C-alpha cells in the first residue's frame, strides 16, 4: 500500500521537525514547511500531499482570517485531492471557533499540547489520519457506482450526501443542491444545508448524529426520520435515511450516506 504523504506547516521549526519524525516512524511520508507560501507551492506542484497539517497561528497571523479559504480552494483543485487539518493550542479554541475553522475548509481541527510542544500521543493524530484515509479510500472505491447512482437519480428529487462524524460534507448530488439552493460539498452540513451559523451545531433530530452516537451493528436498519426542515430554498417536509460507512481497519462508523426526499 502506498504511504500517505503529510506536510506539516508551522513556523516553529523544531516542533514541525519533531512531528515529521514521529509521522515517518508511524509509516507516513512527511515533510515540514514553515510558510503559507511554501504550502501553496507544494499544493500546486505535481506531487501534492494527501494531508496538510496547518498550525492555526503562522508568524503571528490566524490562518482562518486570510489563508485558510485560499489554501482550501487550491487544495481542492490540486493534482491529488489534499485535505487540510488545522492544529492549535487547546486553551485558545472554543467550540464556536473550531466549527468556524471547519466551515472555512478544514476537514479536522486538532489540539497541540502546549507544555511539551507535541501532540498528546502520536497515536491520536495517526488515528485521525487513518480514519480520513479509510474514508477517502471508501469514496474512491465507490466513485464509479456513485456516478451511476447520481446519474440515475438526477431529477428524481432524491438528495444523496456523504457526511463524516465531524459533520463535514464530502459529497452531494445535484438534487441535494437543488433542494438546498447552494453548492454543498465542503464545510459543515448544518451550515451548507440549513444556513445555520457554525456555532449552532448539528440540527435537532439529526439522523447523522444518532448514527454516530449509536454505532449500529452490521445488518441493523438505517436511521430514518420524517421532519420539517428549513432549507435555504424554503421550508420542507423531508424523509431522511442514513446508512453507515465503516472504517476498514476498526469497523467503526466514520461517516454516513444520507438520502433526503422532499415530501412536499
C-alpha atoms as a PDB file:
ATOM      1  CA  UNK A   1       0.000   0.000   0.000  1.00  0.00           C
ATOM      2  CA  UNK A   2       1.273   3.466  -0.921  1.00  0.00           C
ATOM      3  CA  UNK A   3       2.308   5.564   2.066  1.00  0.00           C
ATOM      4  CA  UNK A   4       0.170   8.652   2.683  1.00  0.00           C
ATOM      5  CA  UNK A   5       2.005  11.950   2.260  1.00  0.00           C
ATOM      6  CA  UNK A   6       1.656  14.537   5.062  1.00  0.00           C
ATOM      7  CA  UNK A   7       3.012  18.112   5.005  1.00  0.00           C
ATOM      8  CA  UNK A   8       3.328  19.934   8.356  1.00  0.00           C
ATOM      9  CA  UNK A   9       3.131  23.747   8.194  1.00  0.00           C
ATOM     10  CA  UNK A  10       4.378  25.539  11.317  1.00  0.00           C
ATOM     11  CA  UNK A  11       6.813  28.413  11.826  1.00  0.00           C
ATOM     12  CA  UNK A  12       8.003  26.615  14.970  1.00  0.00           C
ATOM     13  CA  UNK A  13      10.594  24.639  13.022  1.00  0.00           C
ATOM     14  CA  UNK A  14      11.596  22.467  15.970  1.00  0.00           C
ATOM     15  CA  UNK A  15       8.050  21.284  16.586  1.00  0.00           C
ATOM     16  CA  UNK A  16       7.429  20.677  12.889  1.00  0.00           C
ATOM     17  CA  UNK A  17      10.573  18.533  12.576  1.00  0.00           C
ATOM     18  CA  UNK A  18       9.658  16.526  15.684  1.00  0.00           C
ATOM     19  CA  UNK A  19       6.198  15.853  14.319  1.00  0.00           C
ATOM     20  CA  UNK A  20       7.571  14.888  10.910  1.00  0.00           C
ATOM     21  CA  UNK A  21       9.926  12.406  12.564  1.00  0.00           C
ATOM     22  CA  UNK A  22       7.054  10.826  14.528  1.00  0.00           C
ATOM     23  CA  UNK A  23       4.883  10.632  11.420  1.00  0.00           C
ATOM     24  CA  UNK A  24       7.690   8.934   9.490  1.00  0.00           C
ATOM     25  CA  UNK A  25       8.135   6.430  12.318  1.00  0.00           C
ATOM     26  CA  UNK A  26       4.375   5.770  12.141  1.00  0.00           C
ATOM     27  CA  UNK A  27       4.653   4.867   8.450  1.00  0.00           C
ATOM     28  CA  UNK A  28       3.804   8.148   6.754  1.00  0.00           C
ATOM     29  CA  UNK A  29       5.799  10.068   4.190  1.00  0.00           C
ATOM     30  CA  UNK A  30       6.181  13.523   5.759  1.00  0.00           C
ATOM     31  CA  UNK A  31       7.939  16.861   5.421  1.00  0.00           C
ATOM     32  CA  UNK A  32       7.990  20.207   7.247  1.00  0.00           C
ATOM     33  CA  UNK A  33       7.207  23.663   5.845  1.00  0.00           C
ATOM     34  CA  UNK A  34       7.409  26.995   7.648  1.00  0.00           C
ATOM     35  CA  UNK A  35       5.306  29.355   5.476  1.00  0.00           C
ATOM     36  CA  UNK A  36       1.907  29.589   3.810  1.00  0.00           C
ATOM     37  CA  UNK A  37       3.703  30.424   0.550  1.00  0.00           C
ATOM     38  CA  UNK A  38       5.596  27.142   0.750  1.00  0.00           C
ATOM     39  CA  UNK A  39       2.340  25.270   1.391  1.00  0.00           C
ATOM     40  CA  UNK A  40       0.681  26.859  -1.647  1.00  0.00           C
ATOM     41  CA  UNK A  41       3.657  26.000  -3.857  1.00  0.00           C
ATOM     42  CA  UNK A  42       3.517  22.373  -2.697  1.00  0.00           C
ATOM     43  CA  UNK A  43      -0.236  22.157  -3.329  1.00  0.00           C
ATOM     44  CA  UNK A  44       0.277  23.479  -6.868  1.00  0.00           C
ATOM     45  CA  UNK A  45       3.089  21.015  -7.595  1.00  0.00           C
ATOM     46  CA  UNK A  46       2.813  17.692  -9.426  1.00  0.00           C
ATOM     47  CA  UNK A  47       3.172  15.873  -6.091  1.00  0.00           C
ATOM     48  CA  UNK A  48       0.820  17.486  -3.552  1.00  0.00           C
ATOM     49  CA  UNK A  49       0.362  15.916  -0.107  1.00  0.00           C
ATOM     50  CA  UNK A  50      -2.636  13.829   0.902  1.00  0.00           C
ATOM     51  CA  UNK A  51      -2.931  15.847   4.109  1.00  0.00           C
ATOM     52  CA  UNK A  52      -1.798  19.348   5.094  1.00  0.00           C
ATOM     53  CA  UNK A  53      -1.317  19.789   8.861  1.00  0.00           C
ATOM     54  CA  UNK A  54      -1.529  23.544   9.366  1.00  0.00           C
ATOM     55  CA  UNK A  55      -0.778  25.391  12.591  1.00  0.00           C
ATOM     56  CA  UNK A  56      -3.520  27.942  13.285  1.00  0.00           C
ATOM     57  CA  UNK A  57      -1.042  30.726  14.002  1.00  0.00           C
ATOM     58  CA  UNK A  58       1.709  31.346  11.437  1.00  0.00           C
ATOM     59  CA  UNK A  59       4.051  34.282  12.046  1.00  0.00           C
ATOM     60  CA  UNK A  60       1.540  35.911  14.370  1.00  0.00           C
ATOM     61  CA  UNK A  61      -1.441  35.663  11.990  1.00  0.00           C
ATOM     62  CA  UNK A  62      -4.523  33.476  12.435  1.00  0.00           C
ATOM     63  CA  UNK A  63      -4.727  31.360   9.283  1.00  0.00           C
ATOM     64  CA  UNK A  64      -8.531  31.350   9.139  1.00  0.00           C
ATOM     65  CA  UNK A  65      -8.583  35.140   8.647  1.00  0.00           C
ATOM     66  CA  UNK A  66      -6.794  35.209   5.288  1.00  0.00           C
ATOM     67  CA  UNK A  67      -5.086  31.943   4.419  1.00  0.00           C
ATOM     68  CA  UNK A  68      -7.421  29.019   5.034  1.00  0.00           C
ATOM     69  CA  UNK A  69     -10.066  29.786   2.356  1.00  0.00           C
ATOM     70  CA  UNK A  70      -7.323  30.234  -0.268  1.00  0.00           C
ATOM     71  CA  UNK A  71      -5.482  27.090   0.823  1.00  0.00           C
ATOM     72  CA  UNK A  72      -8.741  25.140   0.783  1.00  0.00           C
ATOM     73  CA  UNK A  73      -9.557  26.392  -2.721  1.00  0.00           C
ATOM     74  CA  UNK A  74      -6.119  25.372  -4.039  1.00  0.00           C
ATOM     75  CA  UNK A  75      -6.165  22.014  -2.168  1.00  0.00           C
ATOM     76  CA  UNK A  76      -9.497  21.066  -3.740  1.00  0.00           C
ATOM     77  CA  UNK A  77      -8.024  21.614  -7.209  1.00  0.00           C
ATOM     78  CA  UNK A  78      -4.592  20.069  -6.656  1.00  0.00           C
ATOM     79  CA  UNK A  79      -3.245  17.256  -8.853  1.00  0.00           C
ATOM     80  CA  UNK A  80      -4.296  14.965  -5.984  1.00  0.00           C
ATOM     81  CA  UNK A  81      -7.084  15.978  -3.581  1.00  0.00           C
ATOM     82  CA  UNK A  82      -5.486  17.272  -0.373  1.00  0.00           C
ATOM     83  CA  UNK A  83      -7.303  17.567   2.951  1.00  0.00           C
ATOM     84  CA  UNK A  84      -6.412  20.279   5.478  1.00  0.00           C
ATOM     85  CA  UNK A  85      -6.194  19.664   9.218  1.00  0.00           C
ATOM     86  CA  UNK A  86      -5.657  22.704  11.457  1.00  0.00           C
ATOM     87  CA  UNK A  87      -3.936  22.216  14.807  1.00  0.00           C
ATOM     88  CA  UNK A  88      -3.844  24.686  17.669  1.00  0.00           C
ATOM     89  CA  UNK A  89      -3.140  25.153  21.381  1.00  0.00           C
ATOM     90  CA  UNK A  90      -6.180  23.712  23.131  1.00  0.00           C
ATOM     91  CA  UNK A  91      -6.661  26.614  25.550  1.00  0.00           C
ATOM     92  CA  UNK A  92      -7.207  29.204  22.809  1.00  0.00           C
ATOM     93  CA  UNK A  93     -10.024  27.440  20.965  1.00  0.00           C
ATOM     94  CA  UNK A  94     -13.757  27.443  21.678  1.00  0.00           C
ATOM     95  CA  UNK A  95     -16.248  25.080  20.016  1.00  0.00           C
ATOM     96  CA  UNK A  96     -17.640  28.004  18.004  1.00  0.00           C
ATOM     97  CA  UNK A  97     -14.150  28.893  16.742  1.00  0.00           C
ATOM     98  CA  UNK A  98     -13.458  25.242  15.895  1.00  0.00           C
ATOM     99  CA  UNK A  99     -16.618  24.993  13.799  1.00  0.00           C
ATOM    100  CA  UNK A 100     -15.813  28.293  12.092  1.00  0.00           C
ATOM    101  CA  UNK A 101     -12.415  26.910  11.073  1.00  0.00           C
ATOM    102  CA  UNK A 102     -14.133  23.787   9.704  1.00  0.00           C
ATOM    103  CA  UNK A 103     -16.619  25.907   7.757  1.00  0.00           C
ATOM    104  CA  UNK A 104     -13.673  27.637   6.037  1.00  0.00           C
ATOM    105  CA  UNK A 105     -12.297  24.385   4.656  1.00  0.00           C
ATOM    106  CA  UNK A 106     -10.503  22.407   7.378  1.00  0.00           C
ATOM    107  CA  UNK A 107     -11.523  18.756   7.446  1.00  0.00           C
ATOM    108  CA  UNK A 108     -10.430  18.471  11.111  1.00  0.00           C
ATOM    109  CA  UNK A 109      -9.307  20.719  13.981  1.00  0.00           C
ATOM    110  CA  UNK A 110      -6.728  19.079  16.268  1.00  0.00           C
ATOM    111  CA  UNK A 111      -5.175  20.188  19.536  1.00  0.00           C
ATOM    112  CA  UNK A 112      -1.466  20.612  20.146  1.00  0.00           C
ATOM    113  CA  UNK A 113      -0.160  20.023  23.671  1.00  0.00           C
ATOM    114  CA  UNK A 114       1.301  23.396  24.630  1.00  0.00           C
ATOM    115  CA  UNK A 115       3.550  22.280  27.508  1.00  0.00           C
ATOM    116  CA  UNK A 116       5.525  19.645  25.618  1.00  0.00           C
ATOM    117  CA  UNK A 117       5.110  21.187  22.148  1.00  0.00           C
ATOM    118  CA  UNK A 118       3.878  17.809  20.993  1.00  0.00           C
ATOM    119  CA  UNK A 119       0.572  16.069  20.373  1.00  0.00           C
ATOM    120  CA  UNK A 120      -0.663  14.214  23.447  1.00  0.00           C
ATOM    121  CA  UNK A 121       0.088  10.967  21.701  1.00  0.00           C
ATOM    122  CA  UNK A 122       1.180  10.466  18.132  1.00  0.00           C
ATOM    123  CA  UNK A 123      -1.483   7.735  18.111  1.00  0.00           C
ATOM    124  CA  UNK A 124      -4.180  10.432  18.398  1.00  0.00           C
ATOM    125  CA  UNK A 125      -3.000  12.021  15.177  1.00  0.00           C
ATOM    126  CA  UNK A 126      -2.390   8.684  13.481  1.00  0.00           C
ATOM    127  CA  UNK A 127      -5.954   7.593  14.308  1.00  0.00           C
ATOM    128  CA  UNK A 128      -7.331  10.749  12.701  1.00  0.00           C
ATOM    129  CA  UNK A 129      -5.212  10.309   9.563  1.00  0.00           C
ATOM    130  CA  UNK A 130      -6.009   6.595   9.326  1.00  0.00           C
ATOM    131  CA  UNK A 131      -9.736   7.333   9.600  1.00  0.00           C
ATOM    132  CA  UNK A 132      -9.528  10.000   6.885  1.00  0.00           C
ATOM    133  CA  UNK A 133      -7.506   7.597   4.711  1.00  0.00           C
ATOM    134  CA  UNK A 134     -10.194   4.940   5.171  1.00  0.00           C
ATOM    135  CA  UNK A 135     -12.872   7.439   4.217  1.00  0.00           C
ATOM    136  CA  UNK A 136     -11.049   8.665   1.097  1.00  0.00           C
ATOM    137  CA  UNK A 137     -10.420   5.033   0.072  1.00  0.00           C
ATOM    138  CA  UNK A 138     -14.092   4.206   0.584  1.00  0.00           C
ATOM    139  CA  UNK A 139     -15.196   7.175  -1.505  1.00  0.00           C
ATOM    140  CA  UNK A 140     -12.701   6.445  -4.281  1.00  0.00           C
ATOM    141  CA  UNK A 141     -13.726   2.777  -4.423  1.00  0.00           C
ATOM    142  CA  UNK A 142     -17.392   3.765  -4.644  1.00  0.00           C
ATOM    143  CA  UNK A 143     -16.858   6.597  -7.132  1.00  0.00           C
ATOM    144  CA  UNK A 144     -17.957   4.621 -10.180  1.00  0.00           C
ATOM    145  CA  UNK A 145     -21.101   3.256  -8.538  1.00  0.00           C
ATOM    146  CA  UNK A 146     -21.850   6.685  -7.088  1.00  0.00           C
ATOM    147  CA  UNK A 147     -21.533   8.242 -10.535  1.00  0.00           C
ATOM    148  CA  UNK A 148     -24.012   5.716 -11.952  1.00  0.00           C
ATOM    149  CA  UNK A 149     -26.331   6.228  -8.997  1.00  0.00           C
ATOM    150  CA  UNK A 150     -26.313  10.012  -9.157  1.00  0.00           C
ATOM    151  CA  UNK A 151     -26.892   9.905 -12.910  1.00  0.00           C
ATOM    152  CA  UNK A 152     -29.863   7.602 -12.366  1.00  0.00           C
ATOM    153  CA  UNK A 153     -31.278   9.761  -9.561  1.00  0.00           C
ATOM    154  CA  UNK A 154     -30.914  13.161 -11.269  1.00  0.00           C
ATOM    155  CA  UNK A 155     -34.308  14.873 -11.370  1.00  0.00           C
ATOM    156  CA  UNK A 156     -35.999  12.405  -9.010  1.00  0.00           C
ATOM    157  CA  UNK A 157     -35.820  14.774  -6.031  1.00  0.00           C
ATOM    158  CA  UNK A 158     -33.710  12.322  -4.010  1.00  0.00           C
ATOM    159  CA  UNK A 159     -30.745  14.110  -2.465  1.00  0.00           C
ATOM    160  CA  UNK A 160     -27.661  11.973  -1.774  1.00  0.00           C
ATOM    161  CA  UNK A 161     -24.825  13.035   0.539  1.00  0.00           C
ATOM    162  CA  UNK A 162     -21.802  11.628   2.358  1.00  0.00           C
ATOM    163  CA  UNK A 163     -21.120  13.231   5.753  1.00  0.00           C
ATOM    164  CA  UNK A 164     -18.394  12.345   8.261  1.00  0.00           C
ATOM    165  CA  UNK A 165     -18.576  12.232  12.066  1.00  0.00           C
ATOM    166  CA  UNK A 166     -17.488  15.879  12.293  1.00  0.00           C
ATOM    167  CA  UNK A 167     -20.466  16.838  10.077  1.00  0.00           C
ATOM    168  CA  UNK A 168     -18.231  17.671   7.100  1.00  0.00           C
ATOM    169  CA  UNK A 169     -19.985  17.140   3.768  1.00  0.00           C
ATOM    170  CA  UNK A 170     -17.758  15.138   1.401  1.00  0.00           C
ATOM    171  CA  UNK A 171     -20.246  14.724  -1.421  1.00  0.00           C
ATOM    172  CA  UNK A 172     -23.706  15.923  -2.501  1.00  0.00           C
ATOM    173  CA  UNK A 173     -25.576  15.193  -5.715  1.00  0.00           C
ATOM    174  CA  UNK A 174     -27.416  17.699  -7.905  1.00  0.00           C
ATOM    175  CA  UNK A 175     -30.828  17.029  -6.356  1.00  0.00           C
ATOM    176  CA  UNK A 176     -29.486  17.761  -2.874  1.00  0.00           C
ATOM    177  CA  UNK A 177     -28.005  21.019  -4.107  1.00  0.00           C
ATOM    178  CA  UNK A 178     -31.300  21.925  -5.824  1.00  0.00           C
ATOM    179  CA  UNK A 179     -33.145  21.280  -2.560  1.00  0.00           C
ATOM    180  CA  UNK A 180     -30.660  23.315  -0.543  1.00  0.00           C
ATOM    181  CA  UNK A 181     -30.232  26.029  -3.159  1.00  0.00           C
ATOM    182  CA  UNK A 182     -26.446  26.092  -2.903  1.00  0.00           C
ATOM    183  CA  UNK A 183     -23.226  24.147  -3.534  1.00  0.00           C
ATOM    184  CA  UNK A 184     -22.938  21.646  -0.665  1.00  0.00           C
ATOM    185  CA  UNK A 185     -19.632  19.762  -0.842  1.00  0.00           C
ATOM    186  CA  UNK A 186     -17.104  21.018   1.686  1.00  0.00           C
ATOM    187  CA  UNK A 187     -17.816  22.692   5.009  1.00  0.00           C
ATOM    188  CA  UNK A 188     -20.350  21.685   7.646  1.00  0.00           C
ATOM    189  CA  UNK A 189     -23.633  20.047   6.642  1.00  0.00           C
ATOM    190  CA  UNK A 190     -25.831  22.092   9.004  1.00  0.00           C
ATOM    191  CA  UNK A 191     -24.307  25.296   7.652  1.00  0.00           C
ATOM    192  CA  UNK A 192     -24.432  24.281   3.982  1.00  0.00           C
ATOM    193  CA  UNK A 193     -27.884  22.674   4.076  1.00  0.00           C
ATOM    194  CA  UNK A 194     -29.756  24.878   6.540  1.00  0.00           C
ATOM    195  CA  UNK A 195     -27.813  28.139   6.765  1.00  0.00           C
ATOM    196  CA  UNK A 196     -27.042  27.690  10.479  1.00  0.00           C
ATOM    197  CA  UNK A 197     -24.085  29.528  11.941  1.00  0.00           C
ATOM    198  CA  UNK A 198     -21.120  27.172  12.573  1.00  0.00           C
ATOM    199  CA  UNK A 199     -21.500  27.681  16.345  1.00  0.00           C
ATOM    200  CA  UNK A 200     -25.072  26.284  16.285  1.00  0.00           C
ATOM    201  CA  UNK A 201     -24.019  22.666  15.837  1.00  0.00           C
ATOM    202  CA  UNK A 202     -25.997  19.803  14.253  1.00  0.00           C
ATOM    203  CA  UNK A 203     -29.739  20.103  13.714  1.00  0.00           C
ATOM    204  CA  UNK A 204     -32.439  18.869  16.071  1.00  0.00           C
ATOM    205  CA  UNK A 205     -33.346  15.276  15.221  1.00  0.00           C
ATOM    206  CA  UNK A 206     -30.173  14.816  13.164  1.00  0.00           C
ATOM    207  CA  UNK A 207     -30.037  11.244  11.830  1.00  0.00           C
ATOM    208  CA  UNK A 208     -26.280  11.559  11.270  1.00  0.00           C
ATOM    209  CA  UNK A 209     -25.646  12.336  14.949  1.00  0.00           C
ATOM    210  CA  UNK A 210     -27.870   9.433  16.015  1.00  0.00           C
ATOM    211  CA  UNK A 211     -25.919   7.107  13.743  1.00  0.00           C
ATOM    212  CA  UNK A 212     -22.559   8.130  15.216  1.00  0.00           C
ATOM    213  CA  UNK A 213     -23.849   8.055  18.810  1.00  0.00           C
ATOM    214  CA  UNK A 214     -25.465   4.627  18.433  1.00  0.00           C
ATOM    215  CA  UNK A 215     -22.736   2.944  16.328  1.00  0.00           C
ATOM    216  CA  UNK A 216     -25.224   0.386  14.916  1.00  0.00           C
ATOM    217  CA  UNK A 217     -24.159  -3.183  14.293  1.00  0.00           C
ATOM    218  CA  UNK A 218     -23.896  -4.541  10.755  1.00  0.00           C
ATOM    219  CA  UNK A 219     -27.289  -5.561   9.452  1.00  0.00           C
ATOM    220  CA  UNK A 220     -29.279  -3.071  11.531  1.00  0.00           C
ATOM    221  CA  UNK A 221     -31.858  -0.949   9.736  1.00  0.00           C
ATOM    222  CA  UNK A 222     -30.840   2.541   8.581  1.00  0.00           C
ATOM    223  CA  UNK A 223     -31.759   5.516  10.774  1.00  0.00           C
ATOM    224  CA  UNK A 224     -34.943   7.040   9.275  1.00  0.00           C
ATOM    225  CA  UNK A 225     -36.983  10.101  10.141  1.00  0.00           C
ATOM    226  CA  UNK A 226     -39.577  12.477   8.697  1.00  0.00           C
ATOM    227  CA  UNK A 227     -39.351  16.053   9.898  1.00  0.00           C
ATOM    228  CA  UNK A 228     -39.986  19.667   8.955  1.00  0.00           C
ATOM    229  CA  UNK A 229     -36.773  21.340   7.862  1.00  0.00           C
ATOM    230  CA  UNK A 230     -35.789  24.840   6.882  1.00  0.00           C
ATOM    231  CA  UNK A 231     -33.530  24.581   3.878  1.00  0.00           C
ATOM    232  CA  UNK A 232     -32.125  27.730   2.313  1.00  0.00           C
ATOM    233  CA  UNK A 233     -34.605  27.368  -0.526  1.00  0.00           C
ATOM    234  CA  UNK A 234     -37.629  27.317   1.835  1.00  0.00           C
ATOM    235  CA  UNK A 235     -39.442  25.106   4.358  1.00  0.00           C
ATOM    236  CA  UNK A 236     -39.922  21.420   3.557  1.00  0.00           C
ATOM    237  CA  UNK A 237     -41.236  18.183   4.986  1.00  0.00           C
ATOM    238  CA  UNK A 238     -38.455  15.709   4.233  1.00  0.00           C
ATOM    239  CA  UNK A 239     -37.858  11.990   4.631  1.00  0.00           C
ATOM    240  CA  UNK A 240     -34.262  11.290   5.678  1.00  0.00           C
ATOM    241  CA  UNK A 241     -32.472   7.923   5.755  1.00  0.00           C
ATOM    242  CA  UNK A 242     -28.877   7.493   6.936  1.00  0.00           C
ATOM    243  CA  UNK A 243     -26.671   4.407   6.487  1.00  0.00           C
ATOM    244  CA  UNK A 244     -23.192   3.930   7.992  1.00  0.00           C
ATOM    245  CA  UNK A 245     -19.796   3.931   6.273  1.00  0.00           C
ATOM    246  CA  UNK A 246     -17.331   1.909   8.361  1.00  0.00           C
ATOM    247  CA  UNK A 247     -13.573   2.075   8.780  1.00  0.00           C
ATOM    248  CA  UNK A 248     -11.860  -0.822   7.032  1.00  0.00           C
ATOM    249  CA  UNK A 249      -9.419  -1.190   9.928  1.00  0.00           C
ATOM    250  CA  UNK A 250     -11.565  -0.589  13.055  1.00  0.00           C
ATOM    251  CA  UNK A 251     -15.061  -1.256  11.600  1.00  0.00           C
ATOM    252  CA  UNK A 252     -16.361   1.810  13.483  1.00  0.00           C
ATOM    253  CA  UNK A 253     -18.846   4.151  11.819  1.00  0.00           C
ATOM    254  CA  UNK A 254     -16.764   7.019  10.414  1.00  0.00           C
ATOM    255  CA  UNK A 255     -19.276   8.581   8.004  1.00  0.00           C
ATOM    256  CA  UNK A 256     -22.803   8.222   6.708  1.00  0.00           C
ATOM    257  CA  UNK A 257     -24.567   8.026   3.379  1.00  0.00           C
ATOM    258  CA  UNK A 258     -27.733  10.084   3.658  1.00  0.00           C
ATOM    259  CA  UNK A 259     -30.739  10.130   1.333  1.00  0.00           C
ATOM    260  CA  UNK A 260     -33.140  13.084   1.533  1.00  0.00           C
ATOM    261  CA  UNK A 261     -36.548  13.084  -0.165  1.00  0.00           C
ATOM    262  CA  UNK A 262     -38.627  16.241  -0.359  1.00  0.00           C
ATOM    263  CA  UNK A 263     -42.119  15.216   0.762  1.00  0.00           C
ATOM    264  CA  UNK A 264     -43.865  18.434  -0.301  1.00  0.00           C
END
